[in-house]
Amino acid sequence: MSKVSYYTEEGLKKLRAELNHLKDIERPKASQAIAEARDKGDLSENAEYDAAKEAQGMLEMHIAKMENILANARIINESELDTSKVLVLSTVEVKNKANDATMKYTLVAQSEADLKTGKISVDSPIGKGLLGKKVGEVAIISVPNGNIELEVISIARS
């Protein structure tokens, strides 16, 4: 059973483009590498052939995984997002209760996460801890070196 993932339209386009690249460019390259290795003689002692077959298997596995993700992907209409609580695609400003540092995160699907741009996965510990919280509520999040308390300061659409 696969779980549904929510994406922005842009994120879904990137996913489809990557899948098309794998199918249209990488798959023929893998087939060509196998054909070239096969032409070099005895397959029982041909390490190049074995490596090409293994690479093809890994590529096919990656393609199947991406097809599964796309089959279960849903686009979120950002204009209909509820800003009274933290949801997927919410931009949330939080304050760390321990050191009063404020941070701003946008919660996104795992494949769209990019910490440099402030996008964190809803599957990450912080993302899971913030989901469903309202302004003023405190999320207690378990991290490797203990617990952190993050107070929700504001919630907006991304």
N, C-alpha and C. Protein backbone atom coordinates (compact mmCIF):
# COMPACT_ATOMS: atom_id res chain seq x y z
N MET A 1 0.83 -1.18 0.00
CA MET A 1 0.00 0.00 0.00
C MET A 1 0.88 1.25 0.00
N SER A 2 0.58 2.17 -0.87
CA SER A 2 1.36 3.39 -0.98
C SER A 2 0.60 4.53 -0.33
N LYS A 3 1.37 5.50 0.16
CA LYS A 3 0.70 6.62 0.78
C LYS A 3 0.63 7.79 -0.19
N VAL A 4 -0.43 8.55 -0.05
CA VAL A 4 -0.66 9.71 -0.90
C VAL A 4 0.31 10.81 -0.47
N SER A 5 0.91 11.47 -1.45
CA SER A 5 1.80 12.59 -1.20
C SER A 5 1.21 13.82 -1.87
N TYR A 6 1.37 14.96 -1.22
CA TYR A 6 0.82 16.20 -1.76
C TYR A 6 1.94 17.08 -2.29
N TYR A 7 1.71 17.63 -3.48
CA TYR A 7 2.74 18.42 -4.16
C TYR A 7 2.17 19.74 -4.66
N THR A 8 3.09 20.67 -4.87
CA THR A 8 2.72 21.88 -5.60
C THR A 8 2.72 21.49 -7.07
N GLU A 9 2.11 22.30 -7.90
CA GLU A 9 2.10 22.01 -9.33
C GLU A 9 3.53 21.97 -9.86
N GLU A 10 4.36 22.90 -9.38
CA GLU A 10 5.76 22.97 -9.80
C GLU A 10 6.52 21.71 -9.39
N GLY A 11 6.29 21.25 -8.17
CA GLY A 11 6.97 20.05 -7.68
C GLY A 11 6.58 18.81 -8.48
N LEU A 12 5.32 18.72 -8.85
CA LEU A 12 4.85 17.58 -9.64
C LEU A 12 5.44 17.62 -11.04
N LYS A 13 5.56 18.81 -11.62
CA LYS A 13 6.17 18.95 -12.95
C LYS A 13 7.62 18.47 -12.92
N LYS A 14 8.36 18.84 -11.86
CA LYS A 14 9.76 18.40 -11.72
C LYS A 14 9.85 16.88 -11.64
N LEU A 15 8.95 16.29 -10.88
CA LEU A 15 8.93 14.84 -10.72
C LEU A 15 8.66 14.15 -12.06
N ARG A 16 7.68 14.66 -12.80
CA ARG A 16 7.37 14.08 -14.12
C ARG A 16 8.54 14.25 -15.09
N ALA A 17 9.19 15.42 -15.05
CA ALA A 17 10.33 15.66 -15.93
C ALA A 17 11.47 14.70 -15.62
N GLU A 18 11.72 14.46 -14.33
CA GLU A 18 12.77 13.52 -13.95
C GLU A 18 12.45 12.11 -14.42
N LEU A 19 11.20 11.70 -14.25
CA LEU A 19 10.79 10.36 -14.70
C LEU A 19 10.93 10.24 -16.22
N ASN A 20 10.51 11.25 -16.96
CA ASN A 20 10.64 11.23 -18.42
C ASN A 20 12.10 11.16 -18.84
N HIS A 21 12.98 11.87 -18.13
CA HIS A 21 14.42 11.83 -18.42
C HIS A 21 14.95 10.40 -18.22
N LEU A 22 14.55 9.78 -17.12
CA LEU A 22 15.01 8.41 -16.84
C LEU A 22 14.54 7.45 -17.93
N LYS A 23 13.29 7.57 -18.34
CA LYS A 23 12.74 6.65 -19.34
C LYS A 23 13.28 6.91 -20.74
N ASP A 24 13.35 8.19 -21.12
CA ASP A 24 13.69 8.53 -22.50
C ASP A 24 15.20 8.61 -22.78
N ILE A 25 15.99 8.89 -21.75
CA ILE A 25 17.43 9.07 -21.97
C ILE A 25 18.26 8.01 -21.26
N GLU A 26 18.03 7.84 -19.96
CA GLU A 26 18.85 6.91 -19.19
C GLU A 26 18.58 5.44 -19.54
N ARG A 27 17.31 5.09 -19.77
CA ARG A 27 16.98 3.69 -20.09
C ARG A 27 17.65 3.25 -21.41
N PRO A 28 17.56 4.04 -22.49
CA PRO A 28 18.27 3.64 -23.72
C PRO A 28 19.80 3.56 -23.53
N LYS A 29 20.36 4.45 -22.70
CA LYS A 29 21.80 4.39 -22.43
C LYS A 29 22.17 3.08 -21.76
N ALA A 30 21.34 2.64 -20.81
CA ALA A 30 21.60 1.39 -20.10
C ALA A 30 21.52 0.21 -21.06
N SER A 31 20.55 0.21 -21.95
CA SER A 31 20.41 -0.86 -22.94
C SER A 31 21.61 -0.89 -23.88
N GLN A 32 22.07 0.29 -24.26
CA GLN A 32 23.23 0.41 -25.15
C GLN A 32 24.49 -0.13 -24.46
N ALA A 33 24.66 0.18 -23.17
CA ALA A 33 25.82 -0.31 -22.42
C ALA A 33 25.81 -1.83 -22.33
N ILE A 34 24.63 -2.43 -22.16
CA ILE A 34 24.52 -3.89 -22.11
C ILE A 34 24.87 -4.48 -23.46
N ALA A 35 24.36 -3.87 -24.53
CA ALA A 35 24.65 -4.37 -25.88
C ALA A 35 26.14 -4.31 -26.19
N GLU A 36 26.79 -3.20 -25.81
CA GLU A 36 28.23 -3.06 -26.05
C GLU A 36 29.02 -4.10 -25.26
N ALA A 37 28.63 -4.33 -24.02
CA ALA A 37 29.33 -5.31 -23.19
C ALA A 37 29.11 -6.72 -23.72
N ARG A 38 27.91 -7.00 -24.22
CA ARG A 38 27.60 -8.33 -24.76
C ARG A 38 28.46 -8.63 -25.98
N ASP A 39 28.74 -7.58 -26.77
CA ASP A 39 29.54 -7.75 -27.99
C ASP A 39 31.00 -8.07 -27.69
N LYS A 40 31.42 -7.92 -26.45
CA LYS A 40 32.83 -8.14 -26.11
C LYS A 40 33.17 -9.59 -25.80
N GLY A 41 32.22 -10.49 -25.98
CA GLY A 41 32.57 -11.91 -25.84
C GLY A 41 31.86 -12.63 -24.74
N ASP A 42 32.54 -13.62 -24.19
CA ASP A 42 32.01 -14.57 -23.20
C ASP A 42 31.35 -13.85 -22.03
N LEU A 43 30.03 -14.07 -21.88
CA LEU A 43 29.28 -13.36 -20.83
C LEU A 43 29.57 -13.91 -19.44
N SER A 44 30.05 -15.15 -19.33
CA SER A 44 30.29 -15.73 -18.01
C SER A 44 31.47 -15.07 -17.29
N GLU A 45 32.36 -14.45 -18.04
CA GLU A 45 33.51 -13.79 -17.41
C GLU A 45 33.58 -12.31 -17.77
N ASN A 46 32.44 -11.71 -18.07
CA ASN A 46 32.40 -10.34 -18.53
C ASN A 46 31.88 -9.42 -17.41
N ALA A 47 32.80 -8.84 -16.67
CA ALA A 47 32.43 -7.97 -15.54
C ALA A 47 31.70 -6.73 -16.04
N GLU A 48 32.06 -6.25 -17.19
CA GLU A 48 31.41 -5.05 -17.75
C GLU A 48 29.93 -5.33 -18.03
N TYR A 49 29.64 -6.54 -18.53
CA TYR A 49 28.26 -6.94 -18.80
C TYR A 49 27.47 -7.03 -17.48
N ASP A 50 28.08 -7.66 -16.46
CA ASP A 50 27.42 -7.78 -15.16
C ASP A 50 27.13 -6.41 -14.56
N ALA A 51 28.09 -5.50 -14.67
CA ALA A 51 27.91 -4.14 -14.12
C ALA A 51 26.80 -3.40 -14.87
N ALA A 52 26.75 -3.57 -16.19
CA ALA A 52 25.73 -2.90 -17.00
C ALA A 52 24.34 -3.45 -16.66
N LYS A 53 24.23 -4.77 -16.46
CA LYS A 53 22.95 -5.37 -16.08
C LYS A 53 22.51 -4.89 -14.70
N GLU A 54 23.45 -4.80 -13.77
CA GLU A 54 23.13 -4.32 -12.42
C GLU A 54 22.66 -2.87 -12.46
N ALA A 55 23.37 -2.04 -13.25
CA ALA A 55 22.99 -0.62 -13.37
C ALA A 55 21.59 -0.50 -13.98
N GLN A 56 21.28 -1.37 -14.95
CA GLN A 56 19.96 -1.35 -15.56
C GLN A 56 18.89 -1.73 -14.52
N GLY A 57 19.19 -2.72 -13.71
CA GLY A 57 18.25 -3.14 -12.68
C GLY A 57 17.98 -2.03 -11.69
N MET A 58 19.02 -1.32 -11.28
CA MET A 58 18.87 -0.19 -10.35
C MET A 58 18.04 0.92 -10.99
N LEU A 59 18.30 1.19 -12.26
CA LEU A 59 17.55 2.22 -12.98
C LEU A 59 16.06 1.84 -13.05
N GLU A 60 15.77 0.59 -13.39
CA GLU A 60 14.38 0.15 -13.48
C GLU A 60 13.68 0.24 -12.13
N MET A 61 14.42 -0.06 -11.06
CA MET A 61 13.87 0.05 -9.72
C MET A 61 13.51 1.51 -9.40
N HIS A 62 14.42 2.42 -9.78
CA HIS A 62 14.19 3.85 -9.55
C HIS A 62 12.98 4.34 -10.36
N ILE A 63 12.87 3.89 -11.60
CA ILE A 63 11.74 4.28 -12.45
C ILE A 63 10.43 3.78 -11.82
N ALA A 64 10.41 2.53 -11.37
CA ALA A 64 9.21 1.96 -10.77
C ALA A 64 8.81 2.73 -9.51
N LYS A 65 9.80 3.12 -8.70
CA LYS A 65 9.53 3.88 -7.48
C LYS A 65 8.92 5.24 -7.82
N MET A 66 9.48 5.90 -8.82
CA MET A 66 8.97 7.22 -9.22
C MET A 66 7.57 7.11 -9.81
N GLU A 67 7.31 6.05 -10.59
CA GLU A 67 5.97 5.85 -11.15
C GLU A 67 4.95 5.65 -10.02
N ASN A 68 5.36 4.93 -8.98
CA ASN A 68 4.49 4.71 -7.83
C ASN A 68 4.20 6.03 -7.10
N ILE A 69 5.23 6.84 -6.93
CA ILE A 69 5.05 8.14 -6.28
C ILE A 69 4.08 9.00 -7.09
N LEU A 70 4.29 9.04 -8.41
CA LEU A 70 3.42 9.85 -9.26
C LEU A 70 1.98 9.33 -9.27
N ALA A 71 1.81 8.02 -9.20
CA ALA A 71 0.47 7.45 -9.19
C ALA A 71 -0.30 7.86 -7.93
N ASN A 72 0.42 8.13 -6.85
CA ASN A 72 -0.21 8.50 -5.59
C ASN A 72 -0.05 9.98 -5.25
N ALA A 73 0.39 10.77 -6.22
CA ALA A 73 0.61 12.20 -5.98
C ALA A 73 -0.68 12.99 -6.20
N ARG A 74 -0.86 13.98 -5.38
CA ARG A 74 -2.02 14.87 -5.50
C ARG A 74 -1.52 16.31 -5.47
N ILE A 75 -2.16 17.15 -6.27
CA ILE A 75 -1.79 18.57 -6.28
C ILE A 75 -2.65 19.29 -5.26
N ILE A 76 -2.02 20.15 -4.51
CA ILE A 76 -2.74 20.95 -3.52
C ILE A 76 -3.07 22.31 -4.13
N ASN A 77 -4.33 22.70 -4.00
CA ASN A 77 -4.75 24.02 -4.43
C ASN A 77 -4.41 24.98 -3.29
N GLU A 78 -3.34 25.72 -3.48
CA GLU A 78 -2.83 26.57 -2.40
C GLU A 78 -3.82 27.65 -1.97
N SER A 79 -4.70 28.08 -2.87
CA SER A 79 -5.65 29.14 -2.52
C SER A 79 -6.72 28.65 -1.54
N GLU A 80 -6.88 27.33 -1.43
CA GLU A 80 -7.90 26.78 -0.54
C GLU A 80 -7.33 26.32 0.80
N LEU A 81 -6.06 26.60 1.05
CA LEU A 81 -5.44 26.14 2.29
C LEU A 81 -5.99 26.89 3.50
N ASP A 82 -6.23 26.17 4.54
CA ASP A 82 -6.69 26.71 5.82
C ASP A 82 -5.46 27.23 6.57
N THR A 83 -5.47 28.50 6.93
CA THR A 83 -4.31 29.05 7.64
C THR A 83 -4.52 29.10 9.14
N SER A 84 -5.57 28.44 9.63
CA SER A 84 -5.78 28.44 11.08
C SER A 84 -4.92 27.39 11.77
N LYS A 85 -4.41 26.44 11.00
CA LYS A 85 -3.52 25.43 11.57
C LYS A 85 -2.47 25.05 10.54
N VAL A 86 -1.39 24.43 11.00
CA VAL A 86 -0.28 24.06 10.13
C VAL A 86 -0.66 22.83 9.30
N LEU A 87 -0.55 22.97 7.98
CA LEU A 87 -0.84 21.89 7.03
C LEU A 87 0.29 21.79 6.01
N VAL A 88 0.19 20.82 5.12
CA VAL A 88 1.13 20.74 4.01
C VAL A 88 1.04 22.04 3.23
N LEU A 89 2.15 22.59 2.83
CA LEU A 89 2.31 23.85 2.11
C LEU A 89 2.06 25.09 2.96
N SER A 90 1.91 24.93 4.26
CA SER A 90 1.84 26.10 5.13
C SER A 90 3.25 26.63 5.33
N THR A 91 3.36 27.96 5.39
CA THR A 91 4.61 28.57 5.80
C THR A 91 4.40 28.98 7.24
N VAL A 92 5.21 28.42 8.11
CA VAL A 92 5.01 28.61 9.55
C VAL A 92 6.25 29.25 10.16
N GLU A 93 6.02 30.26 10.98
CA GLU A 93 7.12 30.89 11.71
C GLU A 93 7.04 30.35 13.13
N VAL A 94 8.18 29.84 13.60
CA VAL A 94 8.23 29.25 14.94
C VAL A 94 9.35 29.88 15.76
N LYS A 95 9.17 29.82 17.09
CA LYS A 95 10.20 30.33 18.00
C LYS A 95 10.65 29.17 18.87
N ASN A 96 11.96 28.96 18.90
CA ASN A 96 12.54 27.93 19.76
C ASN A 96 12.48 28.47 21.19
N LYS A 97 11.78 27.77 22.07
CA LYS A 97 11.58 28.24 23.45
C LYS A 97 12.89 28.25 24.25
N ALA A 98 13.85 27.43 23.87
CA ALA A 98 15.10 27.34 24.62
C ALA A 98 16.00 28.56 24.40
N ASN A 99 16.06 29.05 23.16
CA ASN A 99 16.99 30.15 22.87
C ASN A 99 16.33 31.37 22.20
N ASP A 100 15.01 31.37 22.11
CA ASP A 100 14.24 32.47 21.51
C ASP A 100 14.57 32.74 20.04
N ALA A 101 15.22 31.79 19.37
CA ALA A 101 15.51 31.96 17.95
C ALA A 101 14.23 31.70 17.16
N THR A 102 13.99 32.53 16.13
CA THR A 102 12.82 32.30 15.28
C THR A 102 13.28 31.75 13.94
N MET A 103 12.47 30.88 13.41
CA MET A 103 12.75 30.26 12.11
C MET A 103 11.46 30.23 11.31
N LYS A 104 11.59 30.20 9.99
CA LYS A 104 10.43 30.12 9.13
C LYS A 104 10.61 28.91 8.22
N TYR A 105 9.60 28.03 8.19
CA TYR A 105 9.64 26.82 7.38
C TYR A 105 8.38 26.74 6.53
N THR A 106 8.53 26.14 5.36
CA THR A 106 7.38 25.76 4.54
C THR A 106 7.36 24.24 4.53
N LEU A 107 6.22 23.65 4.90
CA LEU A 107 6.10 22.20 4.94
C LEU A 107 5.71 21.69 3.56
N VAL A 108 6.50 20.78 3.03
CA VAL A 108 6.31 20.26 1.68
C VAL A 108 6.44 18.73 1.68
N ALA A 109 6.17 18.12 0.54
CA ALA A 109 6.37 16.67 0.37
C ALA A 109 7.87 16.39 0.47
N GLN A 110 8.21 15.17 0.82
CA GLN A 110 9.61 14.81 1.04
C GLN A 110 10.49 15.10 -0.18
N SER A 111 9.98 14.82 -1.38
CA SER A 111 10.81 15.02 -2.58
C SER A 111 11.03 16.50 -2.90
N GLU A 112 10.25 17.40 -2.31
CA GLU A 112 10.43 18.83 -2.55
C GLU A 112 11.23 19.51 -1.44
N ALA A 113 11.55 18.79 -0.39
CA ALA A 113 12.25 19.37 0.76
C ALA A 113 13.62 19.91 0.36
N ASP A 114 13.95 21.09 0.87
CA ASP A 114 15.23 21.72 0.62
C ASP A 114 15.48 22.71 1.77
N LEU A 115 16.28 22.29 2.72
CA LEU A 115 16.49 23.09 3.92
C LEU A 115 17.09 24.46 3.61
N LYS A 116 17.91 24.55 2.56
CA LYS A 116 18.52 25.83 2.20
C LYS A 116 17.48 26.89 1.87
N THR A 117 16.34 26.45 1.31
CA THR A 117 15.29 27.40 0.97
C THR A 117 14.17 27.40 2.00
N GLY A 118 14.39 26.72 3.11
CA GLY A 118 13.40 26.73 4.19
C GLY A 118 12.26 25.76 4.00
N LYS A 119 12.40 24.83 3.06
CA LYS A 119 11.34 23.84 2.81
C LYS A 119 11.70 22.55 3.54
N ILE A 120 10.83 22.16 4.50
CA ILE A 120 11.08 20.92 5.23
C ILE A 120 9.97 19.92 4.94
N SER A 121 10.32 18.66 5.00
CA SER A 121 9.37 17.59 4.72
C SER A 121 8.35 17.45 5.83
N VAL A 122 7.11 17.16 5.44
CA VAL A 122 6.08 16.88 6.44
C VAL A 122 6.37 15.56 7.14
N ASP A 123 7.27 14.75 6.57
CA ASP A 123 7.66 13.48 7.17
C ASP A 123 8.83 13.61 8.14
N SER A 124 9.46 14.79 8.19
CA SER A 124 10.58 15.00 9.12
C SER A 124 10.04 15.16 10.54
N PRO A 125 10.89 14.97 11.54
CA PRO A 125 10.40 15.13 12.92
C PRO A 125 9.77 16.50 13.18
N ILE A 126 10.41 17.57 12.69
CA ILE A 126 9.86 18.91 12.91
C ILE A 126 8.55 19.06 12.14
N GLY A 127 8.52 18.60 10.89
CA GLY A 127 7.30 18.69 10.09
C GLY A 127 6.14 17.95 10.75
N LYS A 128 6.39 16.72 11.19
CA LYS A 128 5.35 15.93 11.87
C LYS A 128 4.87 16.62 13.14
N GLY A 129 5.83 17.19 13.88
CA GLY A 129 5.48 17.84 15.15
C GLY A 129 4.64 19.10 14.97
N LEU A 130 4.85 19.80 13.85
CA LEU A 130 4.13 21.06 13.62
C LEU A 130 2.76 20.86 12.98
N LEU A 131 2.56 19.75 12.27
CA LEU A 131 1.28 19.53 11.59
C LEU A 131 0.11 19.60 12.57
N GLY A 132 -0.90 20.37 12.20
CA GLY A 132 -2.11 20.48 13.01
C GLY A 132 -2.04 21.52 14.12
N LYS A 133 -0.86 22.09 14.38
CA LYS A 133 -0.73 23.09 15.45
C LYS A 133 -1.32 24.42 14.98
N LYS A 134 -1.79 25.20 15.97
CA LYS A 134 -2.35 26.53 15.70
C LYS A 134 -1.42 27.58 16.29
N VAL A 135 -1.64 28.84 15.89
CA VAL A 135 -0.82 29.94 16.41
C VAL A 135 -0.92 29.95 17.94
N GLY A 136 0.24 30.05 18.59
CA GLY A 136 0.29 30.08 20.04
C GLY A 136 0.56 28.72 20.67
N GLU A 137 0.31 27.65 19.92
CA GLU A 137 0.56 26.30 20.46
C GLU A 137 2.05 25.97 20.40
N VAL A 138 2.45 25.09 21.28
CA VAL A 138 3.86 24.68 21.35
C VAL A 138 3.96 23.22 20.93
N ALA A 139 4.86 22.95 20.00
CA ALA A 139 5.13 21.57 19.56
C ALA A 139 6.37 21.09 20.29
N ILE A 140 6.27 19.95 20.94
CA ILE A 140 7.43 19.34 21.58
C ILE A 140 7.91 18.25 20.64
N ILE A 141 9.12 18.45 20.11
CA ILE A 141 9.63 17.58 19.06
C ILE A 141 10.86 16.84 19.54
N SER A 142 10.84 15.53 19.37
CA SER A 142 11.96 14.69 19.77
C SER A 142 13.01 14.70 18.66
N VAL A 143 14.21 15.13 19.02
CA VAL A 143 15.34 15.15 18.09
C VAL A 143 16.46 14.32 18.70
N PRO A 144 17.50 13.99 17.92
CA PRO A 144 18.55 13.10 18.44
C PRO A 144 19.15 13.51 19.78
N ASN A 145 19.30 14.79 20.06
CA ASN A 145 19.91 15.17 21.35
C ASN A 145 18.89 15.69 22.36
N GLY A 146 17.66 15.16 22.32
CA GLY A 146 16.65 15.54 23.31
C GLY A 146 15.37 16.02 22.67
N ASN A 147 14.67 16.89 23.38
CA ASN A 147 13.43 17.47 22.87
C ASN A 147 13.61 18.97 22.66
N ILE A 148 12.94 19.49 21.63
CA ILE A 148 12.92 20.94 21.45
C ILE A 148 11.46 21.38 21.48
N GLU A 149 11.25 22.58 21.99
CA GLU A 149 9.91 23.15 22.04
C GLU A 149 9.84 24.31 21.06
N LEU A 150 8.94 24.19 20.09
CA LEU A 150 8.77 25.24 19.10
C LEU A 150 7.36 25.83 19.22
N GLU A 151 7.30 27.14 19.46
CA GLU A 151 6.01 27.82 19.54
C GLU A 151 5.65 28.36 18.18
N VAL A 152 4.43 28.12 17.73
CA VAL A 152 3.96 28.61 16.44
C VAL A 152 3.62 30.09 16.58
N ILE A 153 4.33 30.93 15.83
CA ILE A 153 4.14 32.39 15.88
C ILE A 153 3.12 32.82 14.82
N SER A 154 3.27 32.30 13.58
CA SER A 154 2.33 32.67 12.53
C SER A 154 2.25 31.55 11.50
N ILE A 155 1.13 31.53 10.77
CA ILE A 155 0.90 30.53 9.72
C ILE A 155 0.40 31.28 8.50
N ALA A 156 0.99 30.97 7.34
CA ALA A 156 0.56 31.61 6.09
C ALA A 156 0.61 30.57 4.97
N ARG A 157 -0.01 30.92 3.85
CA ARG A 157 0.11 30.07 2.66
C ARG A 157 1.51 30.26 2.09
N SER A 158 2.01 29.23 1.46
CA SER A 158 3.36 29.33 0.89
C SER A 158 3.40 30.21 -0.32
